[in-house]
Amino acid sequence: MKKFFGFLGNEVILGTMIALLSVFTALASYQGAMADSEQNKYEIMGMKDLNDGNVFYLEANQNWLQDDNNYDNWYTNQDTNPKLPHITKATSAMLDHRS
């Protein structure tokens, strides 16, 4: 009988240790997932800001190219075509600066 209860005691201790190990492993996994979640949130926010910055950069370049094209059209056709394309305020300021 003692042999039987001794074996049961060892099995209970081993089972308890395995259960504790499983709980601590699950806790570590949960904490890792929470840390990854925060990292992903800030990474996505950074990518959003980078994309917004690229949009503003491209928009400014397009505006500049449009104004430069308007100036070129005006300069090329100033004596030959009285109906010139619409010149924006930015282009007018550039014309004043160049002359």
PDB file of N, CA and C in Angstrom:
ATOM      1  N   MET A   1       0.823  -1.188   0.000  1.00  0.00           N
ATOM      2  CA  MET A   1       0.000   0.000   0.000  1.00  0.00           C
ATOM      3  C   MET A   1       0.871   1.258   0.000  1.00  0.00           C
ATOM      4  N   LYS A   2       1.933   1.231   0.768  1.00  0.00           N
ATOM      5  CA  LYS A   2       2.832   2.378   0.835  1.00  0.00           C
ATOM      6  C   LYS A   2       3.449   2.653  -0.543  1.00  0.00           C
ATOM      7  N   LYS A   3       3.771   1.565  -1.230  1.00  0.00           N
ATOM      8  CA  LYS A   3       4.318   1.725  -2.560  1.00  0.00           C
ATOM      9  C   LYS A   3       3.313   2.421  -3.482  1.00  0.00           C
ATOM     10  N   PHE A   4       2.055   2.064  -3.363  1.00  0.00           N
ATOM     11  CA  PHE A   4       1.019   2.648  -4.204  1.00  0.00           C
ATOM     12  C   PHE A   4       0.853   4.135  -3.932  1.00  0.00           C
ATOM     13  N   PHE A   5       0.776   4.549  -2.629  1.00  0.00           N
ATOM     14  CA  PHE A   5       0.618   5.954  -2.297  1.00  0.00           C
ATOM     15  C   PHE A   5       1.879   6.760  -2.597  1.00  0.00           C
ATOM     16  N   GLY A   6       3.049   6.151  -2.443  1.00  0.00           N
ATOM     17  CA  GLY A   6       4.295   6.826  -2.805  1.00  0.00           C
ATOM     18  C   GLY A   6       4.325   7.161  -4.292  1.00  0.00           C
ATOM     19  N   PHE A   7       3.912   6.233  -5.124  1.00  0.00           N
ATOM     20  CA  PHE A   7       3.844   6.443  -6.557  1.00  0.00           C
ATOM     21  C   PHE A   7       2.832   7.532  -6.900  1.00  0.00           C
ATOM     22  N   LEU A   8       1.662   7.505  -6.199  1.00  0.00           N
ATOM     23  CA  LEU A   8       0.642   8.507  -6.432  1.00  0.00           C
ATOM     24  C   LEU A   8       1.140   9.887  -6.027  1.00  0.00           C
ATOM     25  N   GLY A   9       1.864   9.961  -4.913  1.00  0.00           N
ATOM     26  CA  GLY A   9       2.425  11.242  -4.474  1.00  0.00           C
ATOM     27  C   GLY A   9       3.398  11.809  -5.491  1.00  0.00           C
ATOM     28  N   ASN A  10       4.239  10.977  -6.040  1.00  0.00           N
ATOM     29  CA  ASN A  10       5.182  11.450  -7.058  1.00  0.00           C
ATOM     30  C   ASN A  10       4.464  11.903  -8.328  1.00  0.00           C
ATOM     31  N   GLU A  11       3.440  11.167  -8.706  1.00  0.00           N
ATOM     32  CA  GLU A  11       2.670  11.546  -9.892  1.00  0.00           C
ATOM     33  C   GLU A  11       1.939  12.876  -9.671  1.00  0.00           C
ATOM     34  N   VAL A  12       1.403  13.102  -8.478  1.00  0.00           N
ATOM     35  CA  VAL A  12       0.716  14.354  -8.187  1.00  0.00           C
ATOM     36  C   VAL A  12       1.695  15.513  -8.226  1.00  0.00           C
ATOM     37  N   ILE A  13       2.866  15.312  -7.642  1.00  0.00           N
ATOM     38  CA  ILE A  13       3.887  16.375  -7.665  1.00  0.00           C
ATOM     39  C   ILE A  13       4.299  16.666  -9.113  1.00  0.00           C
ATOM     40  N   LEU A  14       4.544  15.625  -9.879  1.00  0.00           N
ATOM     41  CA  LEU A  14       4.929  15.828 -11.285  1.00  0.00           C
ATOM     42  C   LEU A  14       3.801  16.502 -12.064  1.00  0.00           C
ATOM     43  N   GLY A  15       2.573  16.084 -11.842  1.00  0.00           N
ATOM     44  CA  GLY A  15       1.430  16.701 -12.522  1.00  0.00           C
ATOM     45  C   GLY A  15       1.276  18.162 -12.157  1.00  0.00           C
ATOM     46  N   THR A  16       1.488  18.479 -10.866  1.00  0.00           N
ATOM     47  CA  THR A  16       1.407  19.864 -10.408  1.00  0.00           C
ATOM     48  C   THR A  16       2.501  20.708 -11.052  1.00  0.00           C
ATOM     49  N   MET A  17       3.688  20.148 -11.121  1.00  0.00           N
ATOM     50  CA  MET A  17       4.800  20.888 -11.733  1.00  0.00           C
ATOM     51  C   MET A  17       4.536  21.140 -13.217  1.00  0.00           C
ATOM     52  N   ILE A  18       3.969  20.148 -13.907  1.00  0.00           N
ATOM     53  CA  ILE A  18       3.654  20.319 -15.331  1.00  0.00           C
ATOM     54  C   ILE A  18       2.563  21.377 -15.502  1.00  0.00           C
ATOM     55  N   ALA A  19       1.562  21.354 -14.617  1.00  0.00           N
ATOM     56  CA  ALA A  19       0.492  22.350 -14.687  1.00  0.00           C
ATOM     57  C   ALA A  19       1.037  23.754 -14.450  1.00  0.00           C
ATOM     58  N   LEU A  20       1.917  23.910 -13.460  1.00  0.00           N
ATOM     59  CA  LEU A  20       2.528  25.223 -13.207  1.00  0.00           C
ATOM     60  C   LEU A  20       3.374  25.677 -14.393  1.00  0.00           C
ATOM     61  N   LEU A  21       4.114  24.753 -14.956  1.00  0.00           N
ATOM     62  CA  LEU A  21       4.924  25.077 -16.134  1.00  0.00           C
ATOM     63  C   LEU A  21       4.028  25.548 -17.280  1.00  0.00           C
ATOM     64  N   SER A  22       2.892  24.896 -17.476  1.00  0.00           N
ATOM     65  CA  SER A  22       1.962  25.294 -18.538  1.00  0.00           C
ATOM     66  C   SER A  22       1.387  26.684 -18.279  1.00  0.00           C
ATOM     67  N   VAL A  23       1.053  26.958 -17.010  1.00  0.00           N
ATOM     68  CA  VAL A  23       0.500  28.273 -16.669  1.00  0.00           C
ATOM     69  C   VAL A  23       1.528  29.362 -16.914  1.00  0.00           C
ATOM     70  N   PHE A  24       2.772  29.155 -16.486  1.00  0.00           N
ATOM     71  CA  PHE A  24       3.808  30.169 -16.693  1.00  0.00           C
ATOM     72  C   PHE A  24       4.148  30.337 -18.176  1.00  0.00           C
ATOM     73  N   THR A  25       4.103  29.252 -18.937  1.00  0.00           N
ATOM     74  CA  THR A  25       4.336  29.353 -20.379  1.00  0.00           C
ATOM     75  C   THR A  25       3.229  30.163 -21.043  1.00  0.00           C
ATOM     76  N   ALA A  26       1.982  29.920 -20.640  1.00  0.00           N
ATOM     77  CA  ALA A  26       0.856  30.683 -21.188  1.00  0.00           C
ATOM     78  C   ALA A  26       0.968  32.154 -20.809  1.00  0.00           C
ATOM     79  N   LEU A  27       1.391  32.445 -19.573  1.00  0.00           N
ATOM     80  CA  LEU A  27       1.555  33.827 -19.131  1.00  0.00           C
ATOM     81  C   LEU A  27       2.639  34.537 -19.952  1.00  0.00           C
ATOM     82  N   ALA A  28       3.765  33.856 -20.166  1.00  0.00           N
ATOM     83  CA  ALA A  28       4.841  34.444 -20.968  1.00  0.00           C
ATOM     84  C   ALA A  28       4.384  34.681 -22.405  1.00  0.00           C
ATOM     85  N   SER A  29       3.620  33.752 -22.959  1.00  0.00           N
ATOM     86  CA  SER A  29       3.102  33.908 -24.315  1.00  0.00           C
ATOM     87  C   SER A  29       2.132  35.077 -24.397  1.00  0.00           C
ATOM     88  N   TYR A  30       1.285  35.235 -23.404  1.00  0.00           N
ATOM     89  CA  TYR A  30       0.330  36.345 -23.366  1.00  0.00           C
ATOM     90  C   TYR A  30       1.063  37.683 -23.294  1.00  0.00           C
ATOM     91  N   GLN A  31       2.081  37.775 -22.442  1.00  0.00           N
ATOM     92  CA  GLN A  31       2.838  39.020 -22.329  1.00  0.00           C
ATOM     93  C   GLN A  31       3.569  39.338 -23.634  1.00  0.00           C
ATOM     94  N   GLY A  32       4.091  38.325 -24.296  1.00  0.00           N
ATOM     95  CA  GLY A  32       4.740  38.548 -25.595  1.00  0.00           C
ATOM     96  C   GLY A  32       3.761  39.047 -26.638  1.00  0.00           C
ATOM     97  N   ALA A  33       2.551  38.491 -26.628  1.00  0.00           N
ATOM     98  CA  ALA A  33       1.532  38.937 -27.591  1.00  0.00           C
ATOM     99  C   ALA A  33       1.129  40.381 -27.326  1.00  0.00           C
ATOM    100  N   MET A  34       1.027  40.756 -26.060  1.00  0.00           N
ATOM    101  CA  MET A  34       0.677  42.138 -25.726  1.00  0.00           C
ATOM    102  C   MET A  34       1.782  43.100 -26.163  1.00  0.00           C
ATOM    103  N   ALA A  35       3.028  42.718 -25.969  1.00  0.00           N
ATOM    104  CA  ALA A  35       4.146  43.567 -26.391  1.00  0.00           C
ATOM    105  C   ALA A  35       4.164  43.702 -27.914  1.00  0.00           C
ATOM    106  N   ASP A  36       3.917  42.606 -28.635  1.00  0.00           N
ATOM    107  CA  ASP A  36       3.876  42.666 -30.100  1.00  0.00           C
ATOM    108  C   ASP A  36       2.727  43.540 -30.575  1.00  0.00           C
ATOM    109  N   SER A  37       1.619  43.493 -29.868  1.00  0.00           N
ATOM    110  CA  SER A  37       0.462  44.308 -30.235  1.00  0.00           C
ATOM    111  C   SER A  37       0.805  45.792 -30.154  1.00  0.00           C
ATOM    112  N   GLU A  38       1.463  46.216 -29.096  1.00  0.00           N
ATOM    113  CA  GLU A  38       1.875  47.623 -28.952  1.00  0.00           C
ATOM    114  C   GLU A  38       2.872  48.003 -30.047  1.00  0.00           C
ATOM    115  N   GLN A  39       3.815  47.119 -30.313  1.00  0.00           N
ATOM    116  CA  GLN A  39       4.814  47.409 -31.336  1.00  0.00           C
ATOM    117  C   GLN A  39       4.142  47.560 -32.697  1.00  0.00           C
ATOM    118  N   ASN A  40       3.215  46.667 -33.009  1.00  0.00           N
ATOM    119  CA  ASN A  40       2.511  46.757 -34.293  1.00  0.00           C
ATOM    120  C   ASN A  40       1.699  48.037 -34.394  1.00  0.00           C
ATOM    121  N   LYS A  41       1.074  48.444 -33.286  1.00  0.00           N
ATOM    122  CA  LYS A  41       0.281  49.671 -33.298  1.00  0.00           C
ATOM    123  C   LYS A  41       1.157  50.869 -33.655  1.00  0.00           C
ATOM    124  N   TYR A  42       2.312  50.985 -33.010  1.00  0.00           N
ATOM    125  CA  TYR A  42       3.184  52.125 -33.279  1.00  0.00           C
ATOM    126  C   TYR A  42       3.847  52.027 -34.652  1.00  0.00           C
ATOM    127  N   GLU A  43       4.104  50.805 -35.106  1.00  0.00           N
ATOM    128  CA  GLU A  43       4.668  50.651 -36.444  1.00  0.00           C
ATOM    129  C   GLU A  43       3.665  51.097 -37.501  1.00  0.00           C
ATOM    130  N   ILE A  44       2.402  50.748 -37.320  1.00  0.00           N
ATOM    131  CA  ILE A  44       1.363  51.156 -38.271  1.00  0.00           C
ATOM    132  C   ILE A  44       1.180  52.670 -38.238  1.00  0.00           C
ATOM    133  N   MET A  45       1.239  53.261 -37.038  1.00  0.00           N
ATOM    134  CA  MET A  45       1.128  54.722 -36.947  1.00  0.00           C
ATOM    135  C   MET A  45       2.291  55.395 -37.677  1.00  0.00           C
ATOM    136  N   GLY A  46       3.491  54.850 -37.543  1.00  0.00           N
ATOM    137  CA  GLY A  46       4.650  55.403 -38.239  1.00  0.00           C
ATOM    138  C   GLY A  46       4.524  55.281 -39.747  1.00  0.00           C
ATOM    139  N   MET A  47       4.034  54.135 -40.220  1.00  0.00           N
ATOM    140  CA  MET A  47       3.842  53.954 -41.656  1.00  0.00           C
ATOM    141  C   MET A  47       2.784  54.914 -42.188  1.00  0.00           C
ATOM    142  N   LYS A  48       1.749  55.163 -41.404  1.00  0.00           N
ATOM    143  CA  LYS A  48       0.705  56.117 -41.807  1.00  0.00           C
ATOM    144  C   LYS A  48       1.299  57.515 -41.955  1.00  0.00           C
ATOM    145  N   ASP A  49       2.107  57.933 -40.980  1.00  0.00           N
ATOM    146  CA  ASP A  49       2.725  59.257 -41.061  1.00  0.00           C
ATOM    147  C   ASP A  49       3.683  59.355 -42.241  1.00  0.00           C
ATOM    148  N   LEU A  50       4.427  58.283 -42.501  1.00  0.00           N
ATOM    149  CA  LEU A  50       5.337  58.284 -43.648  1.00  0.00           C
ATOM    150  C   LEU A  50       4.569  58.399 -44.955  1.00  0.00           C
ATOM    151  N   ASN A  51       3.481  57.669 -45.077  1.00  0.00           N
ATOM    152  CA  ASN A  51       2.657  57.747 -46.289  1.00  0.00           C
ATOM    153  C   ASN A  51       2.051  59.138 -46.455  1.00  0.00           C
ATOM    154  N   ASP A  52       1.592  59.736 -45.358  1.00  0.00           N
ATOM    155  CA  ASP A  52       1.046  61.094 -45.444  1.00  0.00           C
ATOM    156  C   ASP A  52       2.121  62.075 -45.893  1.00  0.00           C
ATOM    157  N   GLY A  53       3.323  61.933 -45.375  1.00  0.00           N
ATOM    158  CA  GLY A  53       4.421  62.802 -45.784  1.00  0.00           C
ATOM    159  C   GLY A  53       4.738  62.653 -47.265  1.00  0.00           C
ATOM    160  N   ASN A  54       4.710  61.419 -47.758  1.00  0.00           N
ATOM    161  CA  ASN A  54       4.967  61.193 -49.183  1.00  0.00           C
ATOM    162  C   ASN A  54       3.873  61.816 -50.046  1.00  0.00           C
ATOM    163  N   VAL A  55       2.631  61.749 -49.579  1.00  0.00           N
ATOM    164  CA  VAL A  55       1.529  62.355 -50.330  1.00  0.00           C
ATOM    165  C   VAL A  55       1.730  63.867 -50.432  1.00  0.00           C
ATOM    166  N   PHE A  56       2.069  64.518 -49.325  1.00  0.00           N
ATOM    167  CA  PHE A  56       2.268  65.970 -49.353  1.00  0.00           C
ATOM    168  C   PHE A  56       3.459  66.348 -50.224  1.00  0.00           C
ATOM    169  N   TYR A  57       4.520  65.543 -50.191  1.00  0.00           N
ATOM    170  CA  TYR A  57       5.690  65.787 -51.030  1.00  0.00           C
ATOM    171  C   TYR A  57       5.307  65.722 -52.513  1.00  0.00           C
ATOM    172  N   LEU A  58       4.570  64.662 -52.885  1.00  0.00           N
ATOM    173  CA  LEU A  58       4.169  64.517 -54.285  1.00  0.00           C
ATOM    174  C   LEU A  58       3.196  65.613 -54.715  1.00  0.00           C
ATOM    175  N   GLU A  59       2.301  65.990 -53.814  1.00  0.00           N
ATOM    176  CA  GLU A  59       1.356  67.062 -54.135  1.00  0.00           C
ATOM    177  C   GLU A  59       2.086  68.383 -54.380  1.00  0.00           C
ATOM    178  N   ALA A  60       3.075  68.695 -53.558  1.00  0.00           N
ATOM    179  CA  ALA A  60       3.837  69.930 -53.738  1.00  0.00           C
ATOM    180  C   ALA A  60       4.618  69.902 -55.049  1.00  0.00           C
ATOM    181  N   ASN A  61       5.190  68.750 -55.379  1.00  0.00           N
ATOM    182  CA  ASN A  61       5.916  68.647 -56.650  1.00  0.00           C
ATOM    183  C   ASN A  61       4.980  68.828 -57.836  1.00  0.00           C
ATOM    184  N   GLN A  62       3.777  68.259 -57.753  1.00  0.00           N
ATOM    185  CA  GLN A  62       2.827  68.426 -58.858  1.00  0.00           C
ATOM    186  C   GLN A  62       2.404  69.882 -59.007  1.00  0.00           C
ATOM    187  N   ASN A  63       2.174  70.563 -57.899  1.00  0.00           N
ATOM    188  CA  ASN A  63       1.818  71.984 -57.967  1.00  0.00           C
ATOM    189  C   ASN A  63       2.948  72.800 -58.576  1.00  0.00           C
ATOM    190  N   TRP A  64       4.163  72.511 -58.169  1.00  0.00           N
ATOM    191  CA  TRP A  64       5.310  73.244 -58.703  1.00  0.00           C
ATOM    192  C   TRP A  64       5.463  72.996 -60.199  1.00  0.00           C
ATOM    193  N   LEU A  65       5.327  71.735 -60.624  1.00  0.00           N
ATOM    194  CA  LEU A  65       5.454  71.433 -62.045  1.00  0.00           C
ATOM    195  C   LEU A  65       4.338  72.089 -62.858  1.00  0.00           C
ATOM    196  N   GLN A  66       3.134  72.122 -62.312  1.00  0.00           N
ATOM    197  CA  GLN A  66       2.025  72.783 -63.018  1.00  0.00           C
ATOM    198  C   GLN A  66       2.304  74.278 -63.177  1.00  0.00           C
ATOM    199  N   ASP A  67       2.763  74.899 -62.094  1.00  0.00           N
ATOM    200  CA  ASP A  67       3.072  76.326 -62.173  1.00  0.00           C
ATOM    201  C   ASP A  67       4.231  76.594 -63.129  1.00  0.00           C
ATOM    202  N   ASP A  68       5.230  75.736 -63.113  1.00  0.00           N
ATOM    203  CA  ASP A  68       6.369  75.909 -64.020  1.00  0.00           C
ATOM    204  C   ASP A  68       5.920  75.728 -65.469  1.00  0.00           C
ATOM    205  N   ASN A  69       5.039  74.767 -65.698  1.00  0.00           N
ATOM    206  CA  ASN A  69       4.499  74.560 -67.042  1.00  0.00           C
ATOM    207  C   ASN A  69       3.682  75.772 -67.489  1.00  0.00           C
ATOM    208  N   ASN A  70       2.887  76.333 -66.581  1.00  0.00           N
ATOM    209  CA  ASN A  70       2.124  77.545 -66.926  1.00  0.00           C
ATOM    210  C   ASN A  70       3.061  78.690 -67.291  1.00  0.00           C
ATOM    211  N   TYR A  71       4.126  78.846 -66.552  1.00  0.00           N
ATOM    212  CA  TYR A  71       5.094  79.908 -66.858  1.00  0.00           C
ATOM    213  C   TYR A  71       5.721  79.677 -68.229  1.00  0.00           C
ATOM    214  N   ASP A  72       6.111  78.438 -68.504  1.00  0.00           N
ATOM    215  CA  ASP A  72       6.712  78.144 -69.803  1.00  0.00           C
ATOM    216  C   ASP A  72       5.748  78.439 -70.937  1.00  0.00           C
ATOM    217  N   ASN A  73       4.491  78.053 -70.753  1.00  0.00           N
ATOM    218  CA  ASN A  73       3.483  78.340 -71.786  1.00  0.00           C
ATOM    219  C   ASN A  73       3.313  79.849 -71.970  1.00  0.00           C
ATOM    220  N   TRP A  74       3.256  80.571 -70.897  1.00  0.00           N
ATOM    221  CA  TRP A  74       3.110  82.023 -70.982  1.00  0.00           C
ATOM    222  C   TRP A  74       4.316  82.643 -71.679  1.00  0.00           C
ATOM    223  N   TYR A  75       5.517  82.220 -71.273  1.00  0.00           N
ATOM    224  CA  TYR A  75       6.738  82.799 -71.829  1.00  0.00           C
ATOM    225  C   TYR A  75       6.854  82.489 -73.325  1.00  0.00           C
ATOM    226  N   THR A  76       6.498  81.269 -73.703  1.00  0.00           N
ATOM    227  CA  THR A  76       6.604  80.878 -75.106  1.00  0.00           C
ATOM    228  C   THR A  76       5.587  81.605 -75.972  1.00  0.00           C
ATOM    229  N   ASN A  77       4.392  81.818 -75.441  1.00  0.00           N
ATOM    230  CA  ASN A  77       3.297  82.364 -76.243  1.00  0.00           C
ATOM    231  C   ASN A  77       2.946  83.803 -75.915  1.00  0.00           C
ATOM    232  N   GLN A  78       3.763  84.499 -75.204  1.00  0.00           N
ATOM    233  CA  GLN A  78       3.365  85.826 -74.742  1.00  0.00           C
ATOM    234  C   GLN A  78       3.120  86.811 -75.886  1.00  0.00           C
ATOM    235  N   ASP A  79       3.805  86.677 -77.002  1.00  0.00           N
ATOM    236  CA  ASP A  79       3.603  87.606 -78.115  1.00  0.00           C
ATOM    237  C   ASP A  79       2.713  87.033 -79.210  1.00  0.00           C
ATOM    238  N   THR A  80       2.483  85.724 -79.191  1.00  0.00           N
ATOM    239  CA  THR A  80       1.737  85.103 -80.297  1.00  0.00           C
ATOM    240  C   THR A  80       0.323  84.693 -79.930  1.00  0.00           C
ATOM    241  N   ASN A  81       0.030  84.500 -78.662  1.00  0.00           N
ATOM    242  CA  ASN A  81      -1.288  83.997 -78.274  1.00  0.00           C
ATOM    243  C   ASN A  81      -1.863  84.862 -77.155  1.00  0.00           C
ATOM    244  N   PRO A  82      -2.840  85.683 -77.469  1.00  0.00           N
ATOM    245  CA  PRO A  82      -3.397  86.557 -76.427  1.00  0.00           C
ATOM    246  C   PRO A  82      -4.226  85.798 -75.391  1.00  0.00           C
ATOM    247  N   LYS A  83      -4.725  84.599 -75.732  1.00  0.00           N
ATOM    248  CA  LYS A  83      -5.502  83.810 -74.778  1.00  0.00           C
ATOM    249  C   LYS A  83      -4.570  82.811 -74.085  1.00  0.00           C
ATOM    250  N   LEU A  84      -3.908  83.296 -73.067  1.00  0.00           N
ATOM    251  CA  LEU A  84      -2.938  82.464 -72.343  1.00  0.00           C
ATOM    252  C   LEU A  84      -3.651  81.577 -71.338  1.00  0.00           C
ATOM    253  N   PRO A  85      -3.017  80.487 -70.908  1.00  0.00           N
ATOM    254  CA  PRO A  85      -3.626  79.646 -69.866  1.00  0.00           C
ATOM    255  C   PRO A  85      -3.703  80.402 -68.553  1.00  0.00           C
ATOM    256  N   HIS A  86      -4.589  79.959 -67.711  1.00  0.00           N
ATOM    257  CA  HIS A  86      -4.764  80.585 -66.400  1.00  0.00           C
ATOM    258  C   HIS A  86      -3.458  80.490 -65.612  1.00  0.00           C
ATOM    259  N   ILE A  87      -3.011  81.611 -65.078  1.00  0.00           N
ATOM    260  CA  ILE A  87      -1.776  81.650 -64.293  1.00  0.00           C
ATOM    261  C   ILE A  87      -2.157  81.811 -62.827  1.00  0.00           C
ATOM    262  N   THR A  88      -1.679  80.901 -62.003  1.00  0.00           N
ATOM    263  CA  THR A  88      -2.021  80.922 -60.585  1.00  0.00           C
ATOM    264  C   THR A  88      -1.236  82.013 -59.865  1.00  0.00           C
ATOM    265  N   LYS A  89      -1.611  82.280 -58.621  1.00  0.00           N
ATOM    266  CA  LYS A  89      -0.908  83.280 -57.827  1.00  0.00           C
ATOM    267  C   LYS A  89       0.546  82.889 -57.618  1.00  0.00           C
ATOM    268  N   ALA A  90       0.773  81.589 -57.441  1.00  0.00           N
ATOM    269  CA  ALA A  90       2.152  81.132 -57.258  1.00  0.00           C
ATOM    270  C   ALA A  90       2.980  81.398 -58.504  1.00  0.00           C
ATOM    271  N   THR A  91       2.379  81.198 -59.685  1.00  0.00           N
ATOM    272  CA  THR A  91       3.098  81.464 -60.926  1.00  0.00           C
ATOM    273  C   THR A  91       3.339  82.958 -61.099  1.00  0.00           C
ATOM    274  N   SER A  92       2.348  83.767 -60.726  1.00  0.00           N
ATOM    275  CA  SER A  92       2.531  85.213 -60.816  1.00  0.00           C
ATOM    276  C   SER A  92       3.670  85.674 -59.917  1.00  0.00           C
ATOM    277  N   ALA A  93       3.742  85.115 -58.732  1.00  0.00           N
ATOM    278  CA  ALA A  93       4.836  85.462 -57.827  1.00  0.00           C
ATOM    279  C   ALA A  93       6.160  85.012 -58.417  1.00  0.00           C
ATOM    280  N   MET A  94       6.177  83.860 -59.073  1.00  0.00           N
ATOM    281  CA  MET A  94       7.419  83.381 -59.690  1.00  0.00           C
ATOM    282  C   MET A  94       7.807  84.283 -60.849  1.00  0.00           C
ATOM    283  N   LEU A  95       6.814  84.773 -61.606  1.00  0.00           N
ATOM    284  CA  LEU A  95       7.107  85.689 -62.709  1.00  0.00           C
ATOM    285  C   LEU A  95       7.715  86.975 -62.196  1.00  0.00           C
ATOM    286  N   ASP A  96       7.176  87.501 -61.121  1.00  0.00           N
ATOM    287  CA  ASP A  96       7.708  88.712 -60.521  1.00  0.00           C
ATOM    288  C   ASP A  96       9.135  88.492 -60.030  1.00  0.00           C
ATOM    289  N   HIS A  97       9.376  87.335 -59.503  1.00  0.00           N
ATOM    290  CA  HIS A  97      10.708  87.036 -58.944  1.00  0.00           C
ATOM    291  C   HIS A  97      11.740  86.872 -60.071  1.00  0.00           C
ATOM    292  N   ARG A  98      11.356  86.289 -61.203  1.00  0.00           N
ATOM    293  CA  ARG A  98      12.293  86.032 -62.305  1.00  0.00           C
ATOM    294  C   ARG A  98      12.592  87.297 -63.097  1.00  0.00           C
ATOM    295  N   SER A  99      11.671  88.244 -63.129  1.00  0.00           N
ATOM    296  CA  SER A  99      11.915  89.410 -63.969  1.00  0.00           C
ATOM    297  C   SER A  99      12.694  90.489 -63.249  1.00  0.00           C
TER     298      SER A  99
END
